[in-house]
Amino acid sequence: MTWRRGIKRALLGLGVVGALGLAGIAASAWEPMGQAASGERRARMERSPQWKDGHFVNPQPIVWDLAGSVKGMFRSSPDVSPSRPLEPVVVPGRERFETPPASGLRVTWLGHSSVLVEVDGHRVLTDPVWSERASPLTWVGPRRWYAPPVALEDLPSIDAVVISHDHYDHLDYGTLRAMKDWDTRFIVPLGVGAHLVYWGVPPERITELDWWEQTRVGALDVVCTPARHASGRTGIDKDATLWAGYALLGPKHRVFFSGDTGLFPAMKDIGERLGPFDLTMIEVGQYHHAWPDWHIGPEQAVLAHQMLRGRALLPVHWGLFTLALHGWTEPIERVLSAARTVQDTVVLVPRPGQSLEPEAPPPLERWWPELPWVSGEEDPIVSSQMN
């Protein structure tokens, strides 16, 4: 039975008023929830080494402490979101991107995991989210703290859009619908292409990859790398599509994008096979000690940067949505603190919307407020099964 049939059957068991109310909600969320894979796409997924017993799996299963998660709900920081509006860098028009980076590598952080990467003459956009909420509904769900620093129409031409997985804060229906007619490549993990096709993206513009598979965009090699996470958009399609990171390998520069991940042993394999990386973009926010395998946490992000043989680290997955219970500035404070203990670790902290070149970074600007935060010693995030 498909999840759509399951929803319909549930509606039949409700009272008329309740059913009508839920039907209205389901109708508005129906298309944003996406489409399950079928046919040859499904057959290819089932041939993947990552597929087992009807869904994708991690080599190191994710540990989740339910009791600890419930307790944590009563101990949230009073600063989980900004108390006053943030002021991202806003430079109107696409002329800011007309001059190529002098070094050959430039990044523009747009908040959370959305980054415009300009590498060796190619432009790659990671996990683009321009919608007001990370949700299938427009009126409920995590709401962004500020408007997109760069309007979609002010972006330069994009050679490739890479998607790490299908959670709502990474695969955004409204943004993908706006991009569906773009002359670009959409590179996604196995199964995610079904959502894009359902939303109107031409199949010939979609490339689906398994871990360690790669595709070429101009002179840029894009390698799909392992990650330790999960997927799902409906609540009953858990792990029905794959999750991944990406290595962007140009003629002169190498960039790594983690997507969402816990720490896992193959991070070292990625560094040995595809590194060293001029830049790593690793998630640092939205963590909790009760689910340390879901999100890597700040200190482990610095450790992963070392395992990947990275030169400069751009922290991502923070600074836009409230998705966890820690203070909103805590991830960056903890990353900077951890990096100070590791020799030659360069951390880039651009204001949202700011462009910079990792080989010539500007001085660190503390554009976020000084708020209380809990250190890694007080509340460590330690992923399991690392041996």
Protein backbone atom coordinates (compact mmCIF):
# COMPACT_ATOMS: atom_id res chain seq x y z
CA MET A 1 0.00 0.00 0.00
CA THR A 2 1.47 3.36 -0.95
CA TRP A 3 1.60 6.22 1.55
CA ARG A 4 -1.04 8.11 -0.47
CA ARG A 5 -3.47 5.20 -0.13
CA GLY A 6 -2.65 5.08 3.57
CA ILE A 7 -3.61 8.74 3.98
CA LYS A 8 -6.88 8.20 2.11
CA ARG A 9 -7.77 5.17 4.25
CA ALA A 10 -7.06 7.14 7.44
CA LEU A 11 -9.35 9.93 6.27
CA LEU A 12 -12.21 7.48 5.79
CA GLY A 13 -12.02 6.54 9.45
CA LEU A 14 -12.47 10.10 10.72
CA GLY A 15 -15.57 12.16 11.33
CA VAL A 16 -16.76 14.38 8.49
CA VAL A 17 -15.49 17.64 10.00
CA GLY A 18 -12.14 16.21 10.98
CA ALA A 19 -11.78 14.49 7.65
CA LEU A 20 -12.51 17.67 5.74
CA GLY A 21 -9.99 19.59 7.81
CA LEU A 22 -7.30 16.98 7.33
CA ALA A 23 -8.19 16.67 3.66
CA GLY A 24 -7.57 20.40 3.23
CA ILE A 25 -4.20 20.13 4.92
CA ALA A 26 -3.29 17.02 2.92
CA ALA A 27 -4.27 18.72 -0.33
CA SER A 28 -2.01 21.72 0.31
CA ALA A 29 0.90 19.47 1.35
CA TRP A 30 0.34 16.80 -1.29
CA GLU A 31 2.62 18.04 -4.04
CA PRO A 32 5.39 19.39 -1.75
CA MET A 33 5.63 15.94 -0.14
CA GLY A 34 6.93 14.62 -3.44
CA GLN A 35 6.64 11.31 -5.22
CA ALA A 36 7.87 7.83 -4.43
CA ALA A 37 10.29 6.21 -6.86
CA SER A 38 9.02 3.49 -9.18
CA GLY A 39 9.99 1.52 -12.27
CA GLU A 40 13.64 1.53 -13.31
CA ARG A 41 14.47 4.23 -10.75
CA ARG A 42 13.23 1.93 -7.98
CA ALA A 43 15.01 -1.05 -9.48
CA ARG A 44 18.30 0.85 -9.52
CA MET A 45 17.84 1.84 -5.88
CA GLU A 46 17.30 -1.80 -4.91
CA ARG A 47 20.61 -2.72 -6.59
CA SER A 48 22.52 -0.29 -4.38
CA PRO A 49 24.85 -1.72 -1.71
CA GLN A 50 23.19 0.77 0.65
CA TRP A 51 19.72 -0.82 0.16
CA LYS A 52 18.50 -3.44 2.62
CA ASP A 53 15.05 -4.76 3.57
CA GLY A 54 13.13 -2.17 1.59
CA HIS A 55 15.04 1.01 2.48
CA PHE A 56 18.48 2.60 2.60
CA VAL A 57 20.72 1.97 5.61
CA ASN A 58 23.87 3.37 7.21
CA PRO A 59 26.90 1.08 7.67
CA GLN A 60 26.92 2.34 11.27
CA PRO A 61 23.27 2.41 12.43
CA ILE A 62 22.02 5.63 13.99
CA VAL A 63 21.58 5.64 17.76
CA TRP A 64 18.69 7.69 19.14
CA ASP A 65 17.95 8.13 22.85
CA LEU A 66 14.19 8.73 22.97
CA ALA A 67 14.07 9.39 26.72
CA GLY A 68 16.95 11.85 26.44
CA SER A 69 15.22 13.62 23.58
CA VAL A 70 12.04 14.06 25.61
CA LYS A 71 13.98 15.37 28.62
CA GLY A 72 15.82 17.79 26.37
CA MET A 73 12.56 19.39 25.29
CA PHE A 74 12.25 20.87 28.80
CA ARG A 75 15.80 22.23 28.82
CA SER A 76 15.96 24.30 25.66
CA SER A 77 18.04 27.45 25.46
CA PRO A 78 16.13 30.74 25.76
CA ASP A 79 18.10 31.85 22.69
CA VAL A 80 17.12 29.15 20.17
CA SER A 81 16.34 31.93 17.66
CA PRO A 82 17.42 35.58 17.30
CA SER A 83 15.55 38.10 19.43
CA ARG A 84 15.98 40.82 16.83
CA PRO A 85 16.15 40.79 13.01
CA LEU A 86 19.46 39.77 11.47
CA GLU A 87 20.99 41.86 8.72
CA PRO A 88 22.46 39.70 5.97
CA VAL A 89 24.62 41.18 3.24
CA VAL A 90 22.37 42.19 0.37
CA VAL A 91 23.98 43.33 -2.88
CA PRO A 92 21.31 43.84 -5.58
CA GLY A 93 21.74 42.41 -9.04
CA ARG A 94 23.93 39.70 -10.46
CA GLU A 95 26.79 42.06 -11.33
CA ARG A 96 28.54 41.02 -8.11
CA PHE A 97 29.22 37.65 -9.76
CA GLU A 98 30.35 38.99 -13.15
CA THR A 99 34.00 39.24 -12.08
CA PRO A 100 35.38 35.74 -11.53
CA PRO A 101 37.30 35.03 -8.32
CA ALA A 102 40.97 35.93 -8.57
CA SER A 103 41.97 32.70 -6.84
CA GLY A 104 39.57 30.52 -8.83
CA LEU A 105 37.51 29.66 -5.74
CA ARG A 106 34.80 31.79 -4.12
CA VAL A 107 31.84 30.92 -1.90
CA THR A 108 28.70 32.83 -1.02
CA TRP A 109 26.94 31.49 2.07
CA LEU A 110 23.18 32.06 1.83
CA GLY A 111 22.24 30.63 5.22
CA HIS A 112 21.83 27.08 6.52
CA SER A 113 23.22 24.68 3.86
CA SER A 114 22.63 26.86 0.79
CA VAL A 115 25.97 27.91 -0.70
CA LEU A 116 26.93 29.24 -4.11
CA VAL A 117 30.32 27.73 -4.92
CA GLU A 118 32.35 29.23 -7.77
CA VAL A 119 35.16 26.81 -8.48
CA ASP A 120 37.52 26.82 -11.46
CA GLY A 121 35.04 28.53 -13.77
CA HIS A 122 31.99 26.52 -12.65
CA ARG A 123 29.08 27.55 -10.43
CA VAL A 124 27.46 25.00 -8.13
CA LEU A 125 24.53 25.67 -5.78
CA THR A 126 24.12 23.38 -2.75
CA ASP A 127 20.77 22.52 -1.11
CA PRO A 128 18.97 25.69 -2.25
CA VAL A 129 16.16 26.80 0.09
CA TRP A 130 14.43 30.08 -0.75
CA SER A 131 10.99 29.37 0.77
CA GLU A 132 9.69 31.03 3.93
CA ARG A 133 9.42 27.72 5.81
CA ALA A 134 11.17 24.35 5.80
CA SER A 135 7.85 22.53 5.62
CA PRO A 136 5.31 21.06 3.18
CA LEU A 137 2.88 23.74 4.43
CA THR A 138 3.18 27.49 4.08
CA TRP A 139 1.66 28.34 7.47
CA VAL A 140 3.44 26.02 9.89
CA GLY A 141 6.95 24.65 10.32
CA PRO A 142 10.42 26.14 10.91
CA ARG A 143 10.45 29.71 9.60
CA ARG A 144 13.55 31.39 8.22
CA TRP A 145 15.01 34.25 10.27
CA TYR A 146 15.65 36.53 7.31
CA ALA A 147 14.79 36.83 3.64
CA PRO A 148 17.12 35.20 1.09
CA PRO A 149 20.22 37.44 0.82
CA VAL A 150 20.21 37.00 -2.96
CA ALA A 151 17.00 36.73 -4.97
CA LEU A 152 16.75 33.73 -7.29
CA GLU A 153 16.55 36.03 -10.30
CA ASP A 154 19.78 37.75 -9.21
CA LEU A 155 21.82 34.55 -9.19
CA PRO A 156 24.24 34.07 -12.07
CA SER A 157 23.82 31.10 -14.39
CA ILE A 158 24.27 27.90 -12.40
CA ASP A 159 26.04 24.89 -13.89
CA ALA A 160 24.82 22.40 -11.30
CA VAL A 161 22.47 22.22 -8.33
CA VAL A 162 23.43 19.49 -5.86
CA ILE A 163 20.97 18.12 -3.30
CA SER A 164 22.21 16.14 -0.29
CA HIS A 165 18.88 14.50 0.75
CA ASP A 166 15.14 15.05 0.75
CA HIS A 167 14.45 16.62 4.16
CA TYR A 168 12.54 19.90 3.88
CA ASP A 169 15.42 22.12 4.97
CA HIS A 170 17.50 20.77 2.07
CA LEU A 171 15.06 19.82 -0.70
CA ASP A 172 12.65 22.74 -1.01
CA TYR A 173 9.58 22.35 -3.18
CA GLY A 174 9.04 26.06 -3.83
CA THR A 175 12.65 26.63 -4.84
CA LEU A 176 12.83 23.59 -7.10
CA ARG A 177 9.57 24.56 -8.80
CA ALA A 178 11.04 27.99 -9.49
CA MET A 179 14.18 26.36 -10.90
CA LYS A 180 12.53 23.65 -12.97
CA ASP A 181 13.08 25.43 -16.28
CA TRP A 182 16.64 26.51 -15.55
CA ASP A 183 19.36 25.42 -17.95
CA THR A 184 21.25 23.54 -15.26
CA ARG A 185 22.02 20.04 -14.00
CA PHE A 186 20.33 18.70 -10.89
CA ILE A 187 22.56 16.17 -9.14
CA VAL A 188 20.85 14.14 -6.40
CA PRO A 189 21.22 10.88 -4.46
CA LEU A 190 19.34 7.76 -5.53
CA GLY A 191 15.56 8.11 -5.44
CA VAL A 192 15.44 11.89 -5.01
CA GLY A 193 14.98 12.34 -8.75
CA ALA A 194 11.41 11.08 -8.41
CA HIS A 195 10.49 14.20 -6.43
CA LEU A 196 12.04 16.48 -9.03
CA VAL A 197 10.30 14.82 -11.96
CA TYR A 198 6.98 15.07 -10.10
CA TRP A 199 7.60 18.81 -9.68
CA GLY A 200 8.28 19.37 -13.37
CA VAL A 201 12.06 19.15 -13.68
CA PRO A 202 12.91 17.52 -17.05
CA PRO A 203 14.29 14.01 -16.46
CA GLU A 204 17.20 14.64 -18.82
CA ARG A 205 18.48 17.37 -16.48
CA ILE A 206 18.56 15.04 -13.46
CA THR A 207 21.55 12.89 -12.52
CA GLU A 208 21.06 10.41 -9.67
CA LEU A 209 24.12 8.97 -7.96
CA ASP A 210 24.97 6.32 -5.41
CA TRP A 211 27.85 6.72 -2.97
CA TRP A 212 31.23 6.94 -4.74
CA GLU A 213 29.63 7.41 -8.15
CA GLN A 214 30.47 10.56 -10.06
CA THR A 215 29.40 12.72 -12.96
CA ARG A 216 31.11 15.47 -14.92
CA VAL A 217 29.95 19.05 -15.35
CA GLY A 218 32.25 20.79 -17.80
CA ALA A 219 35.75 20.29 -16.37
CA LEU A 220 34.35 19.66 -12.88
CA ASP A 221 34.00 16.16 -11.43
CA VAL A 222 31.14 15.83 -8.93
CA VAL A 223 31.51 12.78 -6.68
CA CYS A 224 28.65 11.57 -4.48
CA THR A 225 30.18 10.69 -1.11
CA PRO A 226 28.88 8.67 1.85
CA ALA A 227 27.07 10.36 4.73
CA ARG A 228 25.47 9.15 7.95
CA HIS A 229 21.93 10.41 8.14
CA ALA A 230 18.36 9.56 7.06
CA SER A 231 15.62 10.71 4.67
CA GLY A 232 11.87 11.09 4.34
CA ARG A 233 9.15 13.67 3.71
CA THR A 234 5.86 12.05 4.78
CA GLY A 235 6.55 10.30 8.07
CA ILE A 236 5.95 6.89 6.53
CA ASP A 237 8.63 6.99 3.83
CA LYS A 238 11.60 6.86 6.19
CA ASP A 239 14.89 6.20 4.38
CA ALA A 240 13.15 5.57 1.06
CA THR A 241 15.75 7.75 -0.69
CA LEU A 242 19.49 8.02 -0.21
CA TRP A 243 21.44 10.78 1.60
CA ALA A 244 24.92 11.94 0.63
CA GLY A 245 27.67 14.54 0.59
CA TYR A 246 29.58 15.74 -2.47
CA ALA A 247 33.15 16.37 -3.55
CA LEU A 248 33.57 19.03 -6.24
CA LEU A 249 36.86 18.34 -7.99
CA GLY A 250 38.07 21.02 -10.38
CA PRO A 251 41.32 21.29 -12.34
CA LYS A 252 42.87 23.41 -9.55
CA HIS A 253 40.60 23.28 -6.50
CA ARG A 254 38.73 20.70 -4.45
CA VAL A 255 35.67 21.40 -2.31
CA PHE A 256 33.75 19.08 0.01
CA PHE A 257 30.10 19.51 1.05
CA SER A 258 28.94 17.27 3.89
CA GLY A 259 25.16 17.56 3.61
CA ASP A 260 23.64 16.36 6.88
CA THR A 261 25.69 13.72 8.65
CA GLY A 262 26.94 12.28 11.88
CA LEU A 263 30.60 11.40 12.20
CA PHE A 264 31.53 8.07 10.61
CA PRO A 265 34.76 6.17 9.82
CA ALA A 266 34.54 6.65 6.03
CA MET A 267 35.20 10.38 6.48
CA LYS A 268 38.85 9.40 6.50
CA ASP A 269 38.38 7.36 3.31
CA ILE A 270 36.87 10.40 1.58
CA GLY A 271 39.87 12.50 2.57
CA GLU A 272 42.35 9.89 1.41
CA ARG A 273 40.61 9.16 -1.90
CA LEU A 274 39.45 12.62 -2.90
CA GLY A 275 41.38 15.14 -0.78
CA PRO A 276 43.10 17.22 0.26
CA PHE A 277 40.32 19.79 0.04
CA ASP A 278 40.89 23.52 -0.32
CA LEU A 279 37.54 24.02 1.39
CA THR A 280 35.24 21.83 3.45
CA MET A 281 31.64 22.90 4.03
CA ILE A 282 30.50 20.88 7.04
CA GLU A 283 27.28 21.09 9.03
CA VAL A 284 27.82 22.34 12.58
CA GLY A 285 24.34 23.17 13.94
CA GLN A 286 21.07 21.52 14.95
CA TYR A 287 22.46 18.85 17.26
CA HIS A 288 21.68 17.20 20.61
CA HIS A 289 23.55 14.63 22.70
CA ALA A 290 20.50 12.31 22.56
CA TRP A 291 20.90 11.92 18.78
CA PRO A 292 24.64 12.42 18.11
CA ASP A 293 24.64 10.26 14.98
CA TRP A 294 22.10 12.42 13.13
CA HIS A 295 24.12 15.65 13.15
CA ILE A 296 27.83 15.88 13.66
CA GLY A 297 28.07 18.79 16.11
CA PRO A 298 30.68 21.57 16.21
CA GLU A 299 33.68 19.78 17.72
CA GLN A 300 33.23 16.70 15.54
CA ALA A 301 32.90 18.99 12.50
CA VAL A 302 36.43 20.22 13.21
CA LEU A 303 37.55 16.60 13.60
CA ALA A 304 35.89 15.69 10.29
CA HIS A 305 37.68 18.62 8.65
CA GLN A 306 40.96 17.06 9.76
CA MET A 307 39.93 13.57 8.58
CA LEU A 308 39.03 15.06 5.19
CA ARG A 309 42.40 16.81 4.98
CA GLY A 310 40.78 20.19 4.66
CA ARG A 311 42.53 23.57 4.55
CA ALA A 312 39.68 26.00 5.25
CA LEU A 313 36.37 25.17 6.95
CA LEU A 314 33.07 26.88 6.15
CA PRO A 315 30.52 25.95 8.85
CA VAL A 316 27.03 25.39 7.39
CA HIS A 317 23.63 24.16 8.64
CA TRP A 318 23.24 27.00 11.12
CA GLY A 319 22.10 30.61 11.16
CA LEU A 320 18.69 30.36 9.44
CA PHE A 321 16.24 27.90 11.06
CA THR A 322 15.44 26.74 14.59
CA LEU A 323 15.69 22.95 14.36
CA ALA A 324 17.22 22.05 17.73
CA LEU A 325 17.25 23.20 21.36
CA HIS A 326 20.67 24.86 21.62
CA GLY A 327 21.27 28.61 21.41
CA TRP A 328 21.38 29.85 17.85
CA THR A 329 24.92 31.25 18.17
CA GLU A 330 26.26 28.22 20.04
CA PRO A 331 27.36 26.21 16.97
CA ILE A 332 29.71 28.90 15.69
CA GLU A 333 31.09 29.70 19.14
CA ARG A 334 31.90 26.02 19.69
CA VAL A 335 33.44 25.60 16.25
CA LEU A 336 35.75 28.57 16.77
CA SER A 337 36.68 27.32 20.23
CA ALA A 338 37.48 23.81 18.90
CA ALA A 339 39.43 25.18 15.94
CA ARG A 340 41.72 27.17 18.23
CA THR A 341 43.07 23.88 19.60
CA VAL A 342 43.98 22.56 16.13
CA GLN A 343 47.01 24.02 14.41
CA ASP A 344 46.51 25.75 11.04
CA THR A 345 42.72 25.39 11.05
CA VAL A 346 41.12 28.30 9.19
CA VAL A 347 37.42 28.86 9.88
CA LEU A 348 35.43 31.10 7.55
CA VAL A 349 32.38 32.80 9.07
CA PRO A 350 30.82 35.05 6.43
CA ARG A 351 27.72 37.06 7.13
CA PRO A 352 24.76 35.51 5.23
CA GLY A 353 25.02 36.69 1.65
CA GLN A 354 28.71 37.57 1.87
CA SER A 355 31.11 36.28 -0.78
CA LEU A 356 34.70 35.42 0.07
CA GLU A 357 37.69 33.56 -1.32
CA PRO A 358 39.12 30.91 1.04
CA GLU A 359 42.66 31.55 -0.17
CA ALA A 360 42.42 35.20 0.87
CA PRO A 361 39.85 35.29 3.69
CA PRO A 362 38.92 38.59 5.32
CA PRO A 363 39.51 39.08 9.06
CA LEU A 364 36.95 37.34 11.24
CA GLU A 365 33.97 39.60 11.91
CA ARG A 366 31.76 38.65 14.86
CA TRP A 367 28.50 39.71 13.23
CA TRP A 368 26.39 37.63 15.63
CA PRO A 369 25.60 38.81 19.19
CA GLU A 370 27.39 37.59 22.30
CA LEU A 371 24.94 35.24 24.01
CA PRO A 372 25.36 32.51 26.65
CA TRP A 373 26.35 29.17 25.18
CA VAL A 374 27.15 25.67 26.40
CA SER A 375 30.63 24.37 25.62
CA GLY A 376 31.60 21.03 24.15
CA GLU A 377 33.09 20.02 27.50
CA GLU A 378 29.76 20.65 29.22
CA ASP A 379 27.59 18.99 26.56
CA PRO A 380 29.68 16.83 24.20
CA ILE A 381 28.29 15.49 20.94
CA VAL A 382 29.96 12.12 20.40
CA SER A 383 28.87 9.87 17.53
CA SER A 384 28.70 6.15 18.21
CA GLN A 385 30.45 3.22 16.49
CA MET A 386 33.53 5.15 15.36
CA ASN A 387 35.92 2.24 15.92
